[in-house]
C-alpha cells in the first residue's frame, strides 16, 4: 500500500454486506454478515487474534535491522502525551442544547469543574451532532493537574441540576 509504506499486514473487513456477496477467506478482504452481539464479539476477538498472529509472524521473519527500522517508524507516545491523556475527563449526561445555549452551558460546566482544579483554557469540548446541530450530551475537559482529575474521577457521578446527573470517567476508561 503506497499510502502506508511501513505497514506489514493488510486486511480489510466489510461488515453487514449486501446479500450474495462472497466471503473471501484468507484474502485481503473479509466480508462479515450481520449477526447478534454475542457472535459479533466472538468474531471480532478472533479477527484481532488472527491479525496479531499474522503481524507477529511477519515481524518474526524480519532481520534485526528491519525490526529496528520498523519499530523506529512506529510512534510511541511520550510521557508528556500519556500524562495529557490522563488529565482528560469525559462527562456524560450533559444537557442537550442548541447553538443558542451552547456558550451558557459551557460556562456553567467550566465553573462547576473548575472547582475541582484549574482547567486548561482551550481544553473544553462539547461535540455537536452533525445533523441536528445539538450537543450530544457529552463533554471532554482537561485539567492542568493529573491529581485534580483523579479526585474528580473518584466522585463518579455529579448532580448538575434536578434533571441532570453527570457521569464522570477518565478518557482512558471511556467506551462509547
N, C-alpha and C. Protein backbone atom coordinates (compact mmCIF):
# COMPACT_ATOMS: atom_id res chain seq x y z
N UNK A 1 0.85 -1.18 0.00
CA UNK A 1 0.00 0.00 0.00
C UNK A 1 0.89 1.24 0.00
N UNK A 2 0.73 2.06 -0.97
CA UNK A 2 1.55 3.25 -1.10
C UNK A 2 1.26 4.23 0.04
N UNK A 3 0.02 4.33 0.46
CA UNK A 3 -0.36 5.29 1.49
C UNK A 3 0.29 4.97 2.83
N UNK A 4 0.55 3.69 3.11
CA UNK A 4 1.14 3.27 4.37
C UNK A 4 2.36 2.38 4.07
N UNK A 5 3.47 2.98 3.66
CA UNK A 5 4.62 2.17 3.23
C UNK A 5 5.24 1.31 4.32
N UNK A 6 5.05 1.66 5.59
CA UNK A 6 5.64 0.85 6.66
C UNK A 6 4.71 -0.26 7.15
N UNK A 7 3.50 -0.33 6.62
CA UNK A 7 2.58 -1.36 7.11
C UNK A 7 3.07 -2.74 6.69
N UNK A 8 2.84 -3.71 7.57
CA UNK A 8 3.31 -5.07 7.34
C UNK A 8 2.16 -6.03 7.00
N UNK A 9 0.98 -5.74 7.48
CA UNK A 9 -0.18 -6.60 7.26
C UNK A 9 -1.29 -5.75 6.67
N UNK A 10 -1.98 -6.28 5.66
CA UNK A 10 -3.07 -5.55 5.02
C UNK A 10 -4.32 -6.41 5.07
N UNK A 11 -5.34 -5.93 5.73
CA UNK A 11 -6.61 -6.65 5.79
C UNK A 11 -7.72 -5.61 5.74
N UNK A 12 -8.82 -6.00 5.14
CA UNK A 12 -9.98 -5.12 5.08
C UNK A 12 -11.20 -5.95 5.46
N UNK A 13 -12.03 -5.42 6.33
CA UNK A 13 -13.22 -6.13 6.78
C UNK A 13 -14.45 -5.32 6.40
N UNK A 14 -15.41 -5.99 5.77
CA UNK A 14 -16.66 -5.35 5.39
C UNK A 14 -17.77 -5.96 6.23
N UNK A 15 -18.40 -5.15 7.07
CA UNK A 15 -19.47 -5.62 7.94
C UNK A 15 -20.83 -5.40 7.30
N UNK A 16 -21.74 -6.35 7.54
CA UNK A 16 -23.12 -6.29 7.06
C UNK A 16 -23.18 -6.09 5.54
N UNK A 17 -22.65 -7.06 4.77
CA UNK A 17 -22.61 -6.92 3.31
C UNK A 17 -23.99 -7.07 2.69
N UNK A 18 -24.07 -6.74 1.41
CA UNK A 18 -25.32 -6.97 0.67
C UNK A 18 -25.45 -8.46 0.43
N UNK A 19 -26.68 -8.94 0.25
CA UNK A 19 -26.90 -10.37 0.13
C UNK A 19 -26.22 -10.91 -1.14
N UNK A 20 -25.65 -12.11 -1.00
CA UNK A 20 -24.98 -12.76 -2.12
C UNK A 20 -23.52 -12.37 -2.27
N UNK A 21 -23.03 -11.45 -1.45
CA UNK A 21 -21.63 -11.05 -1.55
C UNK A 21 -20.77 -12.15 -0.96
N UNK A 22 -19.73 -12.58 -1.65
CA UNK A 22 -18.93 -13.72 -1.17
C UNK A 22 -18.02 -13.33 0.00
N UNK A 23 -17.62 -14.35 0.74
CA UNK A 23 -16.66 -14.20 1.83
C UNK A 23 -15.30 -14.63 1.29
N UNK A 24 -14.32 -13.77 1.37
CA UNK A 24 -13.00 -14.04 0.83
C UNK A 24 -12.07 -14.50 1.94
N UNK A 25 -12.22 -15.74 2.38
CA UNK A 25 -11.38 -16.27 3.47
C UNK A 25 -9.92 -16.29 3.03
N UNK A 26 -9.06 -15.80 3.90
CA UNK A 26 -7.64 -15.80 3.62
C UNK A 26 -7.19 -14.71 2.66
N UNK A 27 -8.11 -13.94 2.16
CA UNK A 27 -7.77 -12.85 1.25
C UNK A 27 -7.62 -11.56 2.04
N UNK A 28 -7.37 -10.47 1.33
CA UNK A 28 -7.23 -9.17 1.99
C UNK A 28 -8.58 -8.60 2.40
N UNK A 29 -9.67 -9.12 1.85
CA UNK A 29 -11.00 -8.62 2.19
C UNK A 29 -11.79 -9.74 2.83
N UNK A 30 -12.34 -9.46 4.00
CA UNK A 30 -13.20 -10.43 4.68
C UNK A 30 -14.57 -9.77 4.83
N UNK A 31 -15.59 -10.41 4.28
CA UNK A 31 -16.94 -9.89 4.35
C UNK A 31 -17.65 -10.58 5.51
N UNK A 32 -18.17 -9.80 6.43
CA UNK A 32 -18.75 -10.35 7.66
C UNK A 32 -20.24 -10.06 7.68
N UNK A 33 -21.06 -11.11 7.70
CA UNK A 33 -22.51 -10.91 7.67
C UNK A 33 -23.04 -10.33 8.98
N UNK A 34 -24.25 -9.81 8.91
CA UNK A 34 -24.91 -9.26 10.10
C UNK A 34 -25.18 -10.41 11.08
N UNK A 35 -24.88 -10.19 12.37
CA UNK A 35 -25.10 -11.21 13.38
C UNK A 35 -25.36 -10.55 14.73
N UNK A 36 -25.79 -11.36 15.69
CA UNK A 36 -26.08 -10.79 17.01
C UNK A 36 -24.79 -10.40 17.73
N UNK A 37 -24.94 -9.63 18.82
CA UNK A 37 -23.80 -9.09 19.55
C UNK A 37 -22.84 -10.13 20.08
N UNK A 38 -23.38 -11.25 20.60
CA UNK A 38 -22.53 -12.30 21.18
C UNK A 38 -21.62 -12.90 20.11
N UNK A 39 -22.19 -13.22 18.96
CA UNK A 39 -21.41 -13.82 17.88
C UNK A 39 -20.46 -12.79 17.27
N UNK A 40 -20.91 -11.53 17.16
CA UNK A 40 -20.05 -10.49 16.59
C UNK A 40 -18.85 -10.27 17.50
N UNK A 41 -19.07 -10.26 18.80
CA UNK A 41 -17.98 -10.07 19.76
C UNK A 41 -16.95 -11.19 19.61
N UNK A 42 -17.43 -12.44 19.50
CA UNK A 42 -16.53 -13.58 19.33
C UNK A 42 -15.76 -13.45 18.02
N UNK A 43 -16.45 -13.06 16.95
CA UNK A 43 -15.80 -12.92 15.66
C UNK A 43 -14.73 -11.84 15.69
N UNK A 44 -15.03 -10.70 16.29
CA UNK A 44 -14.06 -9.61 16.35
C UNK A 44 -12.85 -10.03 17.19
N UNK A 45 -13.10 -10.71 18.31
CA UNK A 45 -11.98 -11.22 19.12
C UNK A 45 -11.09 -12.14 18.28
N UNK A 46 -11.72 -13.01 17.50
CA UNK A 46 -10.97 -13.94 16.65
C UNK A 46 -10.19 -13.19 15.57
N UNK A 47 -10.82 -12.18 14.96
CA UNK A 47 -10.14 -11.40 13.93
C UNK A 47 -8.92 -10.68 14.50
N UNK A 48 -9.07 -10.12 15.69
CA UNK A 48 -7.95 -9.42 16.33
C UNK A 48 -6.81 -10.39 16.63
N UNK A 49 -7.17 -11.56 17.14
CA UNK A 49 -6.15 -12.58 17.43
C UNK A 49 -5.44 -13.01 16.16
N UNK A 50 -6.20 -13.28 15.08
CA UNK A 50 -5.60 -13.68 13.81
C UNK A 50 -4.68 -12.58 13.27
N UNK A 51 -5.14 -11.35 13.34
CA UNK A 51 -4.35 -10.23 12.85
C UNK A 51 -3.05 -10.10 13.64
N UNK A 52 -3.14 -10.24 14.96
CA UNK A 52 -1.96 -10.15 15.82
C UNK A 52 -0.97 -11.26 15.48
N UNK A 53 -1.48 -12.48 15.29
CA UNK A 53 -0.60 -13.60 14.92
C UNK A 53 0.07 -13.36 13.57
N UNK A 54 -0.70 -12.84 12.59
CA UNK A 54 -0.12 -12.51 11.28
C UNK A 54 1.00 -11.49 11.44
N UNK A 55 0.77 -10.47 12.25
CA UNK A 55 1.77 -9.43 12.46
C UNK A 55 3.01 -10.00 13.15
N UNK A 56 2.81 -10.84 14.16
CA UNK A 56 3.94 -11.45 14.86
C UNK A 56 4.76 -12.34 13.91
N UNK A 57 4.08 -13.10 13.05
CA UNK A 57 4.80 -13.95 12.08
C UNK A 57 5.59 -13.08 11.10
N UNK A 58 4.99 -11.97 10.68
CA UNK A 58 5.67 -11.06 9.76
C UNK A 58 6.91 -10.47 10.43
N UNK A 59 6.78 -10.03 11.67
CA UNK A 59 7.91 -9.45 12.39
C UNK A 59 8.98 -10.49 12.69
N UNK A 60 8.54 -11.74 12.95
CA UNK A 60 9.48 -12.81 13.25
C UNK A 60 10.40 -13.10 12.06
N UNK A 61 9.86 -12.91 10.86
CA UNK A 61 10.65 -13.17 9.66
C UNK A 61 11.58 -12.02 9.27
N UNK A 62 11.54 -10.94 9.98
CA UNK A 62 12.39 -9.79 9.65
C UNK A 62 13.77 -9.93 10.30
N UNK A 63 14.73 -9.34 9.66
CA UNK A 63 16.07 -9.30 10.27
C UNK A 63 16.05 -8.29 11.41
N UNK A 64 17.07 -8.33 12.24
CA UNK A 64 17.17 -7.39 13.37
C UNK A 64 17.17 -5.94 12.86
N UNK A 65 17.86 -5.69 11.74
CA UNK A 65 17.92 -4.33 11.19
C UNK A 65 16.54 -3.88 10.71
N UNK A 66 15.81 -4.79 10.04
CA UNK A 66 14.47 -4.45 9.57
C UNK A 66 13.54 -4.18 10.76
N UNK A 67 13.65 -5.00 11.82
CA UNK A 67 12.83 -4.79 13.00
C UNK A 67 13.14 -3.44 13.64
N UNK A 68 14.41 -3.09 13.74
CA UNK A 68 14.80 -1.80 14.34
C UNK A 68 14.24 -0.65 13.51
N UNK A 69 14.35 -0.75 12.19
CA UNK A 69 13.84 0.32 11.32
C UNK A 69 12.32 0.43 11.43
N UNK A 70 11.65 -0.72 11.51
CA UNK A 70 10.19 -0.72 11.61
C UNK A 70 9.74 -0.11 12.94
N UNK A 71 10.34 -0.54 14.04
CA UNK A 71 9.91 -0.04 15.35
C UNK A 71 10.23 1.44 15.51
N UNK A 72 11.27 1.94 14.85
CA UNK A 72 11.56 3.37 14.89
C UNK A 72 10.48 4.17 14.17
N UNK A 73 9.85 3.57 13.14
CA UNK A 73 8.83 4.29 12.39
C UNK A 73 7.48 4.31 13.11
N UNK A 74 7.30 3.46 14.12
CA UNK A 74 6.05 3.40 14.87
C UNK A 74 6.11 4.45 15.98
N UNK A 75 5.11 5.32 16.02
CA UNK A 75 5.11 6.39 17.03
C UNK A 75 4.67 5.84 18.37
N UNK A 76 5.51 6.00 19.37
CA UNK A 76 5.20 5.61 20.73
C UNK A 76 4.94 6.89 21.51
N UNK A 77 3.82 6.97 22.23
CA UNK A 77 3.53 8.22 22.95
C UNK A 77 4.61 8.56 23.96
N UNK A 78 4.91 9.84 24.03
CA UNK A 78 5.88 10.30 25.02
C UNK A 78 5.20 10.33 26.39
N UNK A 79 6.00 10.46 27.43
CA UNK A 79 5.44 10.57 28.77
C UNK A 79 4.51 11.77 28.87
N UNK A 80 4.87 12.87 28.21
CA UNK A 80 4.04 14.08 28.25
C UNK A 80 2.69 13.83 27.59
N UNK A 81 2.67 13.09 26.48
CA UNK A 81 1.41 12.79 25.80
C UNK A 81 0.54 11.87 26.66
N UNK A 82 1.16 10.88 27.29
CA UNK A 82 0.40 9.99 28.17
C UNK A 82 -0.15 10.76 29.36
N UNK A 83 0.66 11.66 29.90
CA UNK A 83 0.24 12.50 31.03
C UNK A 83 -0.97 13.34 30.63
N UNK A 84 -0.95 13.88 29.41
CA UNK A 84 -2.06 14.71 28.94
C UNK A 84 -3.35 13.91 28.89
N UNK A 85 -3.29 12.69 28.38
CA UNK A 85 -4.49 11.85 28.28
C UNK A 85 -5.06 11.54 29.66
N UNK A 86 -4.20 11.36 30.65
CA UNK A 86 -4.69 11.04 31.99
C UNK A 86 -5.33 12.24 32.68
N UNK A 87 -5.13 13.44 32.14
CA UNK A 87 -5.74 14.64 32.71
C UNK A 87 -7.09 14.98 32.08
N UNK A 88 -7.53 14.19 31.11
CA UNK A 88 -8.79 14.46 30.42
C UNK A 88 -9.90 13.61 31.03
N UNK A 89 -11.01 14.28 31.37
CA UNK A 89 -12.18 13.56 31.86
C UNK A 89 -13.29 13.63 30.82
N UNK A 90 -14.11 12.60 30.82
CA UNK A 90 -15.27 12.53 29.95
C UNK A 90 -16.49 12.73 30.85
N UNK A 91 -17.35 13.66 30.46
CA UNK A 91 -18.54 13.97 31.23
C UNK A 91 -19.75 13.58 30.39
N UNK A 92 -20.46 12.54 30.83
CA UNK A 92 -21.65 12.08 30.11
C UNK A 92 -22.89 12.56 30.83
N UNK A 93 -23.94 12.80 30.06
CA UNK A 93 -25.21 13.22 30.65
C UNK A 93 -25.39 14.73 30.71
N UNK A 94 -24.56 15.46 29.98
CA UNK A 94 -24.73 16.91 29.96
C UNK A 94 -26.02 17.25 29.21
N UNK A 95 -26.63 18.39 29.52
CA UNK A 95 -27.86 18.78 28.81
C UNK A 95 -27.62 18.86 27.30
N UNK A 96 -28.62 18.48 26.56
CA UNK A 96 -28.55 18.57 25.10
C UNK A 96 -29.17 19.91 24.72
N UNK A 97 -28.34 20.78 24.14
CA UNK A 97 -28.78 22.14 23.82
C UNK A 97 -28.37 22.49 22.40
N UNK A 98 -29.01 23.52 21.89
CA UNK A 98 -28.69 24.04 20.57
C UNK A 98 -27.63 25.12 20.65
N UNK A 99 -27.28 25.69 19.50
CA UNK A 99 -26.23 26.71 19.45
C UNK A 99 -26.54 27.94 20.31
N UNK A 100 -27.83 28.23 20.50
CA UNK A 100 -28.21 29.40 21.29
C UNK A 100 -27.86 29.28 22.77
N UNK A 101 -27.76 28.05 23.29
CA UNK A 101 -27.45 27.85 24.70
C UNK A 101 -26.09 27.18 24.93
N UNK A 102 -25.37 26.94 23.86
CA UNK A 102 -24.09 26.25 23.96
C UNK A 102 -23.11 26.99 24.87
N UNK A 103 -22.92 28.29 24.62
CA UNK A 103 -21.95 29.07 25.40
C UNK A 103 -22.31 29.13 26.88
N UNK A 104 -23.60 29.29 27.16
CA UNK A 104 -24.03 29.35 28.56
C UNK A 104 -23.75 28.02 29.27
N UNK A 105 -24.08 26.92 28.61
CA UNK A 105 -23.82 25.60 29.19
C UNK A 105 -22.32 25.38 29.39
N UNK A 106 -21.53 25.78 28.41
CA UNK A 106 -20.07 25.63 28.52
C UNK A 106 -19.54 26.40 29.73
N UNK A 107 -20.04 27.61 29.93
CA UNK A 107 -19.60 28.41 31.08
C UNK A 107 -19.98 27.75 32.40
N UNK A 108 -21.20 27.22 32.47
CA UNK A 108 -21.66 26.56 33.69
C UNK A 108 -20.79 25.34 33.99
N UNK A 109 -20.54 24.52 32.98
CA UNK A 109 -19.74 23.31 33.19
C UNK A 109 -18.29 23.66 33.56
N UNK A 110 -17.73 24.68 32.92
CA UNK A 110 -16.36 25.09 33.27
C UNK A 110 -16.31 25.59 34.71
N UNK A 111 -17.35 26.29 35.14
CA UNK A 111 -17.38 26.80 36.52
C UNK A 111 -17.48 25.63 37.50
N UNK A 112 -18.38 24.68 37.22
CA UNK A 112 -18.57 23.52 38.10
C UNK A 112 -17.27 22.72 38.20
N UNK A 113 -16.67 22.40 37.06
CA UNK A 113 -15.48 21.55 37.07
C UNK A 113 -14.23 22.32 37.50
N UNK A 114 -14.26 23.63 37.35
CA UNK A 114 -13.16 24.46 37.82
C UNK A 114 -13.02 24.44 39.33
N UNK A 115 -14.07 24.05 40.04
CA UNK A 115 -13.97 23.94 41.50
C UNK A 115 -13.10 22.76 41.92
N UNK A 116 -12.87 21.82 41.02
CA UNK A 116 -12.03 20.64 41.32
C UNK A 116 -10.56 20.90 41.04
N UNK A 117 -10.28 21.97 40.31
CA UNK A 117 -8.89 22.32 39.98
C UNK A 117 -8.86 23.13 38.71
N UNK A 118 -7.72 23.75 38.42
CA UNK A 118 -7.63 24.59 37.23
C UNK A 118 -7.73 23.77 35.93
N UNK A 119 -8.44 24.35 34.97
CA UNK A 119 -8.61 23.72 33.67
C UNK A 119 -7.69 24.40 32.66
N UNK A 120 -7.31 23.67 31.63
CA UNK A 120 -6.60 24.31 30.53
C UNK A 120 -7.60 25.20 29.81
N UNK A 121 -7.16 26.35 29.40
CA UNK A 121 -8.04 27.36 28.81
C UNK A 121 -8.84 26.83 27.61
N UNK A 122 -8.16 26.19 26.69
CA UNK A 122 -8.82 25.74 25.46
C UNK A 122 -9.03 24.23 25.41
N UNK A 123 -9.24 23.62 26.57
CA UNK A 123 -9.35 22.17 26.59
C UNK A 123 -10.73 21.70 26.99
N UNK A 124 -11.75 22.39 26.54
CA UNK A 124 -13.13 22.03 26.84
C UNK A 124 -13.83 21.80 25.51
N UNK A 125 -14.48 20.65 25.38
CA UNK A 125 -15.16 20.37 24.12
C UNK A 125 -16.48 19.66 24.38
N UNK A 126 -17.52 20.16 23.72
CA UNK A 126 -18.84 19.50 23.71
C UNK A 126 -19.20 19.27 22.24
N UNK A 127 -19.03 18.06 21.76
CA UNK A 127 -19.30 17.78 20.35
C UNK A 127 -20.77 18.02 19.99
N UNK A 128 -20.97 18.47 18.76
CA UNK A 128 -22.31 18.69 18.23
C UNK A 128 -22.67 17.57 17.26
N UNK A 129 -23.95 17.23 17.22
CA UNK A 129 -24.44 16.28 16.24
C UNK A 129 -24.46 16.98 14.89
N UNK A 130 -23.89 16.37 13.87
CA UNK A 130 -23.80 17.00 12.55
C UNK A 130 -25.17 17.29 11.95
N UNK A 131 -26.13 16.43 12.21
CA UNK A 131 -27.46 16.60 11.61
C UNK A 131 -28.33 17.59 12.38
N UNK A 132 -28.41 17.42 13.69
CA UNK A 132 -29.33 18.25 14.48
C UNK A 132 -28.70 19.55 14.97
N UNK A 133 -27.38 19.62 14.97
CA UNK A 133 -26.63 20.78 15.49
C UNK A 133 -26.84 20.98 16.98
N UNK A 134 -27.28 19.92 17.67
CA UNK A 134 -27.43 19.94 19.12
C UNK A 134 -26.22 19.26 19.75
N UNK A 135 -25.94 19.58 21.01
CA UNK A 135 -24.86 18.89 21.69
C UNK A 135 -25.25 17.42 21.84
N UNK A 136 -24.28 16.57 22.04
CA UNK A 136 -24.53 15.13 22.11
C UNK A 136 -24.67 14.61 23.54
N UNK A 137 -24.67 15.51 24.51
CA UNK A 137 -24.82 15.07 25.89
C UNK A 137 -23.52 14.60 26.50
N UNK A 138 -22.40 15.05 25.94
CA UNK A 138 -21.09 14.64 26.42
C UNK A 138 -20.12 15.81 26.32
N UNK A 139 -19.17 15.84 27.23
CA UNK A 139 -18.13 16.88 27.20
C UNK A 139 -16.79 16.26 27.55
N UNK A 140 -15.73 16.87 27.05
CA UNK A 140 -14.36 16.45 27.34
C UNK A 140 -13.65 17.65 27.96
N UNK A 141 -13.05 17.43 29.13
CA UNK A 141 -12.43 18.53 29.87
C UNK A 141 -11.03 18.09 30.30
N UNK A 142 -10.05 18.98 30.08
CA UNK A 142 -8.68 18.67 30.50
C UNK A 142 -8.28 19.58 31.66
N UNK A 143 -7.83 18.95 32.72
CA UNK A 143 -7.33 19.67 33.89
C UNK A 143 -5.82 19.92 33.72
N UNK A 144 -5.32 20.91 34.43
CA UNK A 144 -3.89 21.19 34.39
C UNK A 144 -3.09 20.17 35.19
N UNK A 145 -3.72 19.62 36.23
CA UNK A 145 -3.01 18.68 37.10
C UNK A 145 -3.72 17.32 37.09
N UNK A 146 -2.93 16.28 36.97
CA UNK A 146 -3.44 14.91 36.98
C UNK A 146 -4.16 14.59 38.30
N UNK A 147 -3.64 15.13 39.41
CA UNK A 147 -4.22 14.87 40.73
C UNK A 147 -5.69 15.34 40.81
N UNK A 148 -5.98 16.48 40.17
CA UNK A 148 -7.35 17.00 40.19
C UNK A 148 -8.29 16.06 39.43
N UNK A 149 -7.79 15.52 38.33
CA UNK A 149 -8.58 14.56 37.55
C UNK A 149 -8.87 13.33 38.40
N UNK A 150 -7.87 12.84 39.10
CA UNK A 150 -8.04 11.63 39.91
C UNK A 150 -9.07 11.84 41.01
N UNK A 151 -9.08 13.00 41.63
CA UNK A 151 -10.06 13.30 42.69
C UNK A 151 -11.47 13.32 42.09
N UNK A 152 -11.62 13.96 40.95
CA UNK A 152 -12.93 14.06 40.31
C UNK A 152 -13.44 12.69 39.86
N UNK A 153 -12.55 11.87 39.32
CA UNK A 153 -12.93 10.53 38.84
C UNK A 153 -13.53 9.71 39.99
N UNK A 154 -13.00 9.88 41.19
CA UNK A 154 -13.49 9.11 42.34
C UNK A 154 -14.93 9.45 42.68
N UNK A 155 -15.40 10.65 42.33
CA UNK A 155 -16.79 11.00 42.61
C UNK A 155 -17.75 10.22 41.72
N UNK A 156 -17.32 9.89 40.52
CA UNK A 156 -18.04 9.11 39.51
C UNK A 156 -19.31 9.78 39.00
N UNK A 157 -20.16 10.27 39.89
CA UNK A 157 -21.39 10.95 39.48
C UNK A 157 -21.45 12.32 40.14
N UNK A 158 -22.02 13.28 39.41
CA UNK A 158 -22.10 14.65 39.91
C UNK A 158 -23.45 15.22 39.51
N UNK A 159 -24.20 15.70 40.47
CA UNK A 159 -25.53 16.27 40.21
C UNK A 159 -25.35 17.69 39.68
N UNK A 160 -25.83 17.96 38.46
CA UNK A 160 -25.75 19.30 37.88
C UNK A 160 -26.99 20.12 38.25
N UNK A 161 -28.15 19.51 38.10
CA UNK A 161 -29.42 20.13 38.47
C UNK A 161 -30.45 19.02 38.69
N UNK A 162 -31.72 19.39 38.84
CA UNK A 162 -32.75 18.37 39.09
C UNK A 162 -32.82 17.30 38.01
N UNK A 163 -32.58 17.70 36.77
CA UNK A 163 -32.76 16.80 35.63
C UNK A 163 -31.49 16.12 35.14
N UNK A 164 -30.33 16.57 35.60
CA UNK A 164 -29.08 16.07 35.01
C UNK A 164 -28.07 15.62 36.06
N UNK A 165 -27.77 14.33 36.03
CA UNK A 165 -26.69 13.77 36.83
C UNK A 165 -25.60 13.40 35.85
N UNK A 166 -24.42 13.93 36.06
CA UNK A 166 -23.31 13.72 35.15
C UNK A 166 -22.49 12.52 35.57
N UNK A 167 -22.10 11.72 34.62
CA UNK A 167 -21.22 10.57 34.89
C UNK A 167 -19.82 10.98 34.48
N UNK A 168 -18.88 10.82 35.40
CA UNK A 168 -17.51 11.25 35.17
C UNK A 168 -16.62 10.02 34.99
N UNK A 169 -15.80 10.02 33.95
CA UNK A 169 -14.83 8.94 33.76
C UNK A 169 -13.58 9.52 33.12
N UNK A 170 -12.52 8.76 33.22
CA UNK A 170 -11.27 9.20 32.61
C UNK A 170 -11.31 8.82 31.14
N UNK A 171 -10.69 9.62 30.30
CA UNK A 171 -10.69 9.35 28.86
C UNK A 171 -10.19 7.95 28.57
N UNK A 172 -9.20 7.49 29.29
CA UNK A 172 -8.65 6.15 29.07
C UNK A 172 -9.69 5.05 29.34
N UNK A 173 -10.65 5.32 30.20
CA UNK A 173 -11.66 4.31 30.57
C UNK A 173 -12.94 4.45 29.77
N UNK A 174 -13.04 5.48 28.96
CA UNK A 174 -14.28 5.80 28.27
C UNK A 174 -14.52 4.85 27.11
N UNK A 175 -15.74 4.30 27.04
CA UNK A 175 -16.15 3.43 25.93
C UNK A 175 -17.48 3.93 25.46
N UNK A 176 -17.59 4.16 24.20
CA UNK A 176 -18.83 4.66 23.64
C UNK A 176 -19.25 3.76 22.50
